[in-house]
Amino acid sequence: MYATIVYTLGSLTVFNIFALNLEWYHTEPWVDIPAHMLFGVLIGLLFLRSTVGRAGKSEKRLLTSLTTLFALTLFLGIGWESIEFLRDRLYAIPRGVLTAQQGVLDTVGDLSNNILGSMMVIFVYGFVLKKWRALKTERAGVAR
């Protein structure tokens, strides 16, 4: 699991370097959307990995977990956007290179896509996989 996370994070970083150097964020702005959603999925998987079995089944604990994931995703997303901002101010602008930051609307969209990606992980785990496992267990019980 950790190797997958490292490879995914490394791949996102390499993708970001290529996208910046090839000016994809300006010529193909849609490429930013799946990158941020994948970043959110990565955060969601890390969170899920560290909390499965500890959250319990009460609705209060579930709400606390979702709130924590939302805050964590927002915090890490703001960190990433801050790195982009610093890169622009310290590297891109002085050299006349295109900037990564494309305004407030772009930043809000990026943070929203991060959150959407992390919440998709919780949705798939919480609603789809648990129901599939329950159905599989139920069928196994009927077959006996």
N, C-alpha and C. Protein backbone atom coordinates (compact mmCIF):
# COMPACT_ATOMS: atom_id res chain seq x y z
N MET A 1 0.83 -1.20 0.00
CA MET A 1 0.00 0.00 0.00
C MET A 1 0.87 1.26 0.00
N TYR A 2 1.89 1.26 0.88
CA TYR A 2 2.74 2.46 0.95
C TYR A 2 3.53 2.67 -0.33
N ALA A 3 3.95 1.57 -0.96
CA ALA A 3 4.67 1.69 -2.24
C ALA A 3 3.77 2.33 -3.29
N THR A 4 2.50 1.93 -3.30
CA THR A 4 1.54 2.51 -4.24
C THR A 4 1.39 4.00 -3.99
N ILE A 5 1.31 4.38 -2.73
CA ILE A 5 1.16 5.80 -2.38
C ILE A 5 2.39 6.59 -2.82
N VAL A 6 3.57 6.05 -2.56
CA VAL A 6 4.81 6.73 -2.95
C VAL A 6 4.88 6.87 -4.47
N TYR A 7 4.54 5.80 -5.19
CA TYR A 7 4.56 5.86 -6.66
C TYR A 7 3.53 6.86 -7.18
N THR A 8 2.36 6.88 -6.57
CA THR A 8 1.32 7.81 -7.01
C THR A 8 1.74 9.25 -6.76
N LEU A 9 2.26 9.52 -5.57
CA LEU A 9 2.71 10.88 -5.25
C LEU A 9 3.87 11.29 -6.14
N GLY A 10 4.79 10.36 -6.38
CA GLY A 10 5.91 10.64 -7.29
C GLY A 10 5.42 10.91 -8.70
N SER A 11 4.45 10.11 -9.14
CA SER A 11 3.89 10.30 -10.49
C SER A 11 3.20 11.65 -10.61
N LEU A 12 2.46 12.04 -9.57
CA LEU A 12 1.80 13.35 -9.60
C LEU A 12 2.83 14.48 -9.66
N THR A 13 3.92 14.33 -8.92
CA THR A 13 4.97 15.35 -8.94
C THR A 13 5.62 15.44 -10.31
N VAL A 14 5.95 14.29 -10.89
CA VAL A 14 6.56 14.27 -12.23
C VAL A 14 5.58 14.85 -13.25
N PHE A 15 4.30 14.45 -13.16
CA PHE A 15 3.28 14.99 -14.06
C PHE A 15 3.21 16.51 -13.94
N ASN A 16 3.25 17.01 -12.70
CA ASN A 16 3.18 18.45 -12.47
C ASN A 16 4.37 19.17 -13.11
N ILE A 17 5.55 18.58 -12.98
CA ILE A 17 6.75 19.18 -13.59
C ILE A 17 6.59 19.25 -15.11
N PHE A 18 6.15 18.14 -15.71
CA PHE A 18 5.93 18.13 -17.16
C PHE A 18 4.85 19.13 -17.56
N ALA A 19 3.75 19.15 -16.82
CA ALA A 19 2.65 20.05 -17.15
C ALA A 19 3.09 21.51 -17.08
N LEU A 20 3.90 21.84 -16.09
CA LEU A 20 4.40 23.21 -15.99
C LEU A 20 5.36 23.54 -17.13
N ASN A 21 6.28 22.62 -17.41
CA ASN A 21 7.27 22.88 -18.46
C ASN A 21 6.67 22.89 -19.86
N LEU A 22 5.64 22.09 -20.09
CA LEU A 22 4.99 22.04 -21.40
C LEU A 22 3.81 23.02 -21.50
N GLU A 23 3.60 23.77 -20.42
CA GLU A 23 2.55 24.80 -20.36
C GLU A 23 1.15 24.24 -20.53
N TRP A 24 0.95 22.98 -20.11
CA TRP A 24 -0.36 22.35 -20.24
C TRP A 24 -1.43 23.06 -19.43
N TYR A 25 -1.07 23.62 -18.29
CA TYR A 25 -2.07 24.29 -17.46
C TYR A 25 -2.65 25.51 -18.16
N HIS A 26 -1.94 26.01 -19.16
CA HIS A 26 -2.42 27.17 -19.92
C HIS A 26 -3.02 26.75 -21.26
N THR A 27 -2.44 25.73 -21.90
CA THR A 27 -2.95 25.31 -23.21
C THR A 27 -4.02 24.23 -23.10
N GLU A 28 -3.95 23.40 -22.08
CA GLU A 28 -4.92 22.32 -21.83
C GLU A 28 -5.36 22.39 -20.37
N PRO A 29 -6.14 23.38 -19.98
CA PRO A 29 -6.44 23.58 -18.56
C PRO A 29 -7.19 22.43 -17.89
N TRP A 30 -7.82 21.56 -18.66
CA TRP A 30 -8.57 20.44 -18.08
C TRP A 30 -7.64 19.43 -17.39
N VAL A 31 -6.35 19.38 -17.75
CA VAL A 31 -5.45 18.38 -17.15
C VAL A 31 -5.28 18.60 -15.65
N ASP A 32 -5.55 19.80 -15.20
CA ASP A 32 -5.44 20.12 -13.77
C ASP A 32 -6.51 19.40 -12.95
N ILE A 33 -7.66 19.17 -13.53
CA ILE A 33 -8.79 18.58 -12.80
C ILE A 33 -8.49 17.14 -12.36
N PRO A 34 -8.14 16.21 -13.27
CA PRO A 34 -7.86 14.85 -12.79
C PRO A 34 -6.64 14.78 -11.87
N ALA A 35 -5.67 15.68 -12.07
CA ALA A 35 -4.49 15.67 -11.20
C ALA A 35 -4.90 15.99 -9.76
N HIS A 36 -5.75 16.98 -9.58
CA HIS A 36 -6.18 17.34 -8.22
C HIS A 36 -7.14 16.29 -7.65
N MET A 37 -7.97 15.69 -8.49
CA MET A 37 -8.85 14.62 -8.00
C MET A 37 -8.02 13.42 -7.54
N LEU A 38 -6.99 13.08 -8.30
CA LEU A 38 -6.11 11.98 -7.92
C LEU A 38 -5.37 12.29 -6.62
N PHE A 39 -4.96 13.54 -6.44
CA PHE A 39 -4.34 13.97 -5.19
C PHE A 39 -5.32 13.76 -4.03
N GLY A 40 -6.58 14.12 -4.24
CA GLY A 40 -7.61 13.91 -3.22
C GLY A 40 -7.84 12.44 -2.94
N VAL A 41 -7.85 11.61 -3.99
CA VAL A 41 -8.00 10.16 -3.80
C VAL A 41 -6.85 9.63 -2.97
N LEU A 42 -5.65 10.09 -3.24
CA LEU A 42 -4.47 9.67 -2.48
C LEU A 42 -4.62 10.03 -1.01
N ILE A 43 -5.06 11.24 -0.72
CA ILE A 43 -5.28 11.66 0.66
C ILE A 43 -6.36 10.79 1.30
N GLY A 44 -7.44 10.54 0.57
CA GLY A 44 -8.51 9.69 1.09
C GLY A 44 -8.05 8.28 1.40
N LEU A 45 -7.22 7.71 0.52
CA LEU A 45 -6.70 6.35 0.75
C LEU A 45 -5.78 6.32 1.96
N LEU A 46 -4.92 7.32 2.09
CA LEU A 46 -4.05 7.39 3.27
C LEU A 46 -4.88 7.50 4.55
N PHE A 47 -5.90 8.35 4.51
CA PHE A 47 -6.76 8.53 5.67
C PHE A 47 -7.50 7.24 6.00
N LEU A 48 -8.05 6.60 4.98
CA LEU A 48 -8.78 5.35 5.17
C LEU A 48 -7.88 4.28 5.75
N ARG A 49 -6.67 4.21 5.23
CA ARG A 49 -5.69 3.22 5.70
C ARG A 49 -5.40 3.41 7.19
N SER A 50 -5.36 4.65 7.63
CA SER A 50 -5.01 4.91 9.03
C SER A 50 -6.21 4.86 9.97
N THR A 51 -7.44 4.88 9.45
CA THR A 51 -8.60 4.93 10.34
C THR A 51 -9.53 3.73 10.28
N VAL A 52 -9.41 2.86 9.29
CA VAL A 52 -10.32 1.72 9.19
C VAL A 52 -10.20 0.87 10.44
N GLY A 53 -11.33 0.56 11.01
CA GLY A 53 -11.36 -0.25 12.21
C GLY A 53 -11.32 0.57 13.49
N ARG A 54 -10.91 1.81 13.41
CA ARG A 54 -10.83 2.66 14.60
C ARG A 54 -12.04 3.58 14.73
N ALA A 55 -12.67 3.88 13.61
CA ALA A 55 -13.75 4.87 13.63
C ALA A 55 -15.01 4.35 14.31
N GLY A 56 -15.21 3.05 14.31
CA GLY A 56 -16.43 2.53 14.90
C GLY A 56 -17.61 2.72 13.96
N LYS A 57 -18.79 2.36 14.45
CA LYS A 57 -19.96 2.43 13.58
C LYS A 57 -20.92 3.54 13.95
N SER A 58 -20.65 4.26 15.02
CA SER A 58 -21.60 5.30 15.41
C SER A 58 -21.57 6.45 14.41
N GLU A 59 -22.71 7.09 14.26
CA GLU A 59 -22.81 8.19 13.30
C GLU A 59 -21.93 9.36 13.72
N LYS A 60 -21.78 9.56 15.04
CA LYS A 60 -20.95 10.66 15.53
C LYS A 60 -19.50 10.45 15.11
N ARG A 61 -19.01 9.23 15.24
CA ARG A 61 -17.62 8.95 14.85
C ARG A 61 -17.45 9.05 13.34
N LEU A 62 -18.46 8.64 12.59
CA LEU A 62 -18.39 8.76 11.14
C LEU A 62 -18.33 10.23 10.74
N LEU A 63 -19.16 11.05 11.37
CA LEU A 63 -19.16 12.48 11.08
C LEU A 63 -17.81 13.11 11.44
N THR A 64 -17.25 12.69 12.57
CA THR A 64 -15.93 13.19 12.98
C THR A 64 -14.87 12.79 11.96
N SER A 65 -14.93 11.55 11.48
CA SER A 65 -13.97 11.08 10.48
C SER A 65 -14.10 11.86 9.18
N LEU A 66 -15.32 12.09 8.73
CA LEU A 66 -15.54 12.84 7.49
C LEU A 66 -15.07 14.29 7.64
N THR A 67 -15.33 14.88 8.80
CA THR A 67 -14.89 16.25 9.05
C THR A 67 -13.37 16.32 9.08
N THR A 68 -12.75 15.33 9.72
CA THR A 68 -11.28 15.28 9.78
C THR A 68 -10.69 15.12 8.38
N LEU A 69 -11.28 14.24 7.57
CA LEU A 69 -10.79 14.05 6.21
C LEU A 69 -10.95 15.33 5.39
N PHE A 70 -12.08 15.99 5.54
CA PHE A 70 -12.32 17.25 4.84
C PHE A 70 -11.25 18.27 5.21
N ALA A 71 -10.99 18.42 6.52
CA ALA A 71 -10.00 19.38 7.00
C ALA A 71 -8.59 19.01 6.54
N LEU A 72 -8.25 17.72 6.59
CA LEU A 72 -6.94 17.26 6.16
C LEU A 72 -6.73 17.52 4.67
N THR A 73 -7.73 17.21 3.88
CA THR A 73 -7.65 17.44 2.43
C THR A 73 -7.49 18.93 2.13
N LEU A 74 -8.27 19.74 2.82
CA LEU A 74 -8.18 21.18 2.62
C LEU A 74 -6.81 21.70 3.04
N PHE A 75 -6.30 21.24 4.17
CA PHE A 75 -4.99 21.66 4.67
C PHE A 75 -3.88 21.30 3.68
N LEU A 76 -3.87 20.04 3.21
CA LEU A 76 -2.83 19.60 2.28
C LEU A 76 -2.98 20.30 0.92
N GLY A 77 -4.22 20.51 0.50
CA GLY A 77 -4.45 21.23 -0.76
C GLY A 77 -3.97 22.67 -0.68
N ILE A 78 -4.21 23.33 0.44
CA ILE A 78 -3.73 24.70 0.63
C ILE A 78 -2.20 24.70 0.64
N GLY A 79 -1.61 23.66 1.24
CA GLY A 79 -0.15 23.53 1.22
C GLY A 79 0.39 23.44 -0.19
N TRP A 80 -0.27 22.62 -1.02
CA TRP A 80 0.16 22.46 -2.42
C TRP A 80 0.01 23.78 -3.17
N GLU A 81 -1.12 24.45 -2.96
CA GLU A 81 -1.35 25.74 -3.63
C GLU A 81 -0.33 26.78 -3.16
N SER A 82 0.07 26.71 -1.90
CA SER A 82 1.10 27.63 -1.37
C SER A 82 2.44 27.39 -2.05
N ILE A 83 2.76 26.11 -2.27
CA ILE A 83 4.01 25.77 -2.97
C ILE A 83 3.96 26.33 -4.40
N GLU A 84 2.81 26.19 -5.06
CA GLU A 84 2.66 26.76 -6.41
C GLU A 84 2.85 28.28 -6.37
N PHE A 85 2.26 28.91 -5.37
CA PHE A 85 2.37 30.36 -5.24
C PHE A 85 3.83 30.78 -5.05
N LEU A 86 4.54 30.09 -4.15
CA LEU A 86 5.95 30.40 -3.91
C LEU A 86 6.80 30.15 -5.15
N ARG A 87 6.51 29.07 -5.85
CA ARG A 87 7.23 28.77 -7.09
C ARG A 87 7.05 29.90 -8.10
N ASP A 88 5.81 30.39 -8.19
CA ASP A 88 5.55 31.49 -9.11
C ASP A 88 6.32 32.75 -8.72
N ARG A 89 6.28 33.10 -7.44
CA ARG A 89 6.90 34.35 -6.98
C ARG A 89 8.43 34.28 -7.00
N LEU A 90 8.98 33.12 -6.66
CA LEU A 90 10.44 33.02 -6.55
C LEU A 90 11.12 32.57 -7.84
N TYR A 91 10.39 31.85 -8.70
CA TYR A 91 11.01 31.30 -9.90
C TYR A 91 10.38 31.83 -11.19
N ALA A 92 9.08 31.64 -11.35
CA ALA A 92 8.43 31.90 -12.64
C ALA A 92 8.40 33.39 -13.00
N ILE A 93 7.91 34.21 -12.11
CA ILE A 93 7.75 35.64 -12.43
C ILE A 93 9.10 36.32 -12.70
N PRO A 94 10.13 36.10 -11.85
CA PRO A 94 11.42 36.74 -12.15
C PRO A 94 12.03 36.31 -13.49
N ARG A 95 11.69 35.12 -13.97
CA ARG A 95 12.27 34.62 -15.22
C ARG A 95 11.33 34.77 -16.42
N GLY A 96 10.16 35.32 -16.19
CA GLY A 96 9.21 35.50 -17.28
C GLY A 96 8.55 34.21 -17.74
N VAL A 97 8.53 33.21 -16.86
CA VAL A 97 7.92 31.91 -17.17
C VAL A 97 6.45 31.97 -16.79
N LEU A 98 5.60 31.20 -17.50
CA LEU A 98 4.17 31.16 -17.16
C LEU A 98 3.99 30.67 -15.73
N THR A 99 3.04 31.25 -15.03
CA THR A 99 2.80 30.90 -13.63
C THR A 99 1.83 29.73 -13.51
N ALA A 100 1.94 29.03 -12.38
CA ALA A 100 1.03 27.91 -12.10
C ALA A 100 -0.30 28.44 -11.56
N GLN A 101 -0.25 29.49 -10.77
CA GLN A 101 -1.46 30.07 -10.20
C GLN A 101 -2.17 30.89 -11.27
N GLN A 102 -3.45 30.58 -11.47
CA GLN A 102 -4.22 31.28 -12.49
C GLN A 102 -5.38 32.05 -11.90
N GLY A 103 -5.27 32.39 -10.64
CA GLY A 103 -6.29 33.21 -10.00
C GLY A 103 -7.06 32.46 -8.92
N VAL A 104 -7.91 33.20 -8.26
CA VAL A 104 -8.68 32.66 -7.14
C VAL A 104 -9.63 31.56 -7.59
N LEU A 105 -10.29 31.74 -8.71
CA LEU A 105 -11.23 30.73 -9.20
C LEU A 105 -10.52 29.41 -9.47
N ASP A 106 -9.33 29.46 -10.03
CA ASP A 106 -8.54 28.26 -10.28
C ASP A 106 -8.17 27.57 -8.96
N THR A 107 -7.77 28.36 -7.98
CA THR A 107 -7.38 27.79 -6.68
C THR A 107 -8.58 27.14 -5.99
N VAL A 108 -9.72 27.81 -6.01
CA VAL A 108 -10.93 27.24 -5.41
C VAL A 108 -11.33 25.95 -6.14
N GLY A 109 -11.21 25.95 -7.46
CA GLY A 109 -11.50 24.74 -8.24
C GLY A 109 -10.56 23.60 -7.89
N ASP A 110 -9.27 23.92 -7.73
CA ASP A 110 -8.29 22.91 -7.36
C ASP A 110 -8.61 22.30 -6.00
N LEU A 111 -8.91 23.15 -5.02
CA LEU A 111 -9.24 22.66 -3.67
C LEU A 111 -10.53 21.84 -3.70
N SER A 112 -11.50 22.28 -4.49
CA SER A 112 -12.76 21.52 -4.61
C SER A 112 -12.52 20.15 -5.23
N ASN A 113 -11.66 20.07 -6.24
CA ASN A 113 -11.34 18.78 -6.85
C ASN A 113 -10.58 17.87 -5.89
N ASN A 114 -9.71 18.45 -5.06
CA ASN A 114 -9.03 17.65 -4.02
C ASN A 114 -10.07 17.02 -3.09
N ILE A 115 -11.00 17.83 -2.63
CA ILE A 115 -12.02 17.36 -1.69
C ILE A 115 -12.92 16.33 -2.36
N LEU A 116 -13.31 16.57 -3.60
CA LEU A 116 -14.14 15.62 -4.34
C LEU A 116 -13.44 14.27 -4.45
N GLY A 117 -12.16 14.28 -4.76
CA GLY A 117 -11.40 13.03 -4.85
C GLY A 117 -11.35 12.27 -3.54
N SER A 118 -11.12 12.97 -2.44
CA SER A 118 -11.05 12.28 -1.15
C SER A 118 -12.42 11.77 -0.71
N MET A 119 -13.46 12.51 -1.01
CA MET A 119 -14.80 12.06 -0.63
C MET A 119 -15.26 10.88 -1.49
N MET A 120 -14.76 10.78 -2.73
CA MET A 120 -15.08 9.63 -3.58
C MET A 120 -14.56 8.34 -2.94
N VAL A 121 -13.38 8.41 -2.33
CA VAL A 121 -12.81 7.24 -1.66
C VAL A 121 -13.73 6.79 -0.54
N ILE A 122 -14.19 7.73 0.27
CA ILE A 122 -15.08 7.40 1.38
C ILE A 122 -16.39 6.84 0.85
N PHE A 123 -16.93 7.44 -0.22
CA PHE A 123 -18.17 6.95 -0.80
C PHE A 123 -18.01 5.51 -1.28
N VAL A 124 -16.95 5.26 -2.05
CA VAL A 124 -16.73 3.91 -2.58
C VAL A 124 -16.54 2.92 -1.44
N TYR A 125 -15.75 3.29 -0.45
CA TYR A 125 -15.53 2.38 0.67
C TYR A 125 -16.80 2.21 1.50
N GLY A 126 -17.39 3.32 1.89
CA GLY A 126 -18.51 3.29 2.82
C GLY A 126 -19.79 2.73 2.26
N PHE A 127 -20.05 2.96 1.01
CA PHE A 127 -21.33 2.56 0.47
C PHE A 127 -21.24 1.38 -0.48
N VAL A 128 -20.26 1.37 -1.33
CA VAL A 128 -20.18 0.32 -2.34
C VAL A 128 -19.51 -0.93 -1.80
N LEU A 129 -18.28 -0.81 -1.31
CA LEU A 129 -17.54 -1.99 -0.87
C LEU A 129 -18.18 -2.68 0.33
N LYS A 130 -18.64 -1.90 1.30
CA LYS A 130 -19.27 -2.51 2.47
C LYS A 130 -20.54 -3.27 2.09
N LYS A 131 -21.34 -2.70 1.20
CA LYS A 131 -22.56 -3.39 0.76
C LYS A 131 -22.21 -4.63 -0.06
N TRP A 132 -21.18 -4.55 -0.89
CA TRP A 132 -20.74 -5.69 -1.68
C TRP A 132 -20.25 -6.81 -0.76
N ARG A 133 -19.47 -6.46 0.26
CA ARG A 133 -18.98 -7.47 1.20
C ARG A 133 -20.13 -8.09 1.99
N ALA A 134 -21.09 -7.28 2.39
CA ALA A 134 -22.24 -7.80 3.13
C ALA A 134 -23.05 -8.75 2.25
N LEU A 135 -23.24 -8.39 1.00
CA LEU A 135 -23.96 -9.25 0.06
C LEU A 135 -23.20 -10.55 -0.16
N LYS A 136 -21.90 -10.47 -0.30
CA LYS A 136 -21.07 -11.65 -0.49
C LYS A 136 -21.14 -12.57 0.73
N THR A 137 -21.10 -11.98 1.93
CA THR A 137 -21.21 -12.75 3.17
C THR A 137 -22.58 -13.39 3.28
N GLU A 138 -23.61 -12.63 2.91
CA GLU A 138 -24.98 -13.14 2.96
C GLU A 138 -25.14 -14.32 2.00
N ARG A 139 -24.62 -14.21 0.82
CA ARG A 139 -24.70 -15.30 -0.16
C ARG A 139 -23.93 -16.52 0.31
N ALA A 140 -22.78 -16.30 0.94
CA ALA A 140 -21.99 -17.41 1.46
C ALA A 140 -22.75 -18.13 2.57
N GLY A 141 -23.50 -17.37 3.38
CA GLY A 141 -24.31 -17.98 4.44
C GLY A 141 -25.47 -18.78 3.90
N VAL A 142 -26.07 -18.34 2.80
CA VAL A 142 -27.19 -19.04 2.17
C VAL A 142 -26.70 -20.33 1.53
N ALA A 143 -25.50 -20.32 0.99
CA ALA A 143 -24.97 -21.49 0.30
C ALA A 143 -24.65 -22.63 1.25
N ARG A 144 -24.49 -22.34 2.51
CA ARG A 144 -24.14 -23.40 3.48
C ARG A 144 -25.29 -24.24 3.80
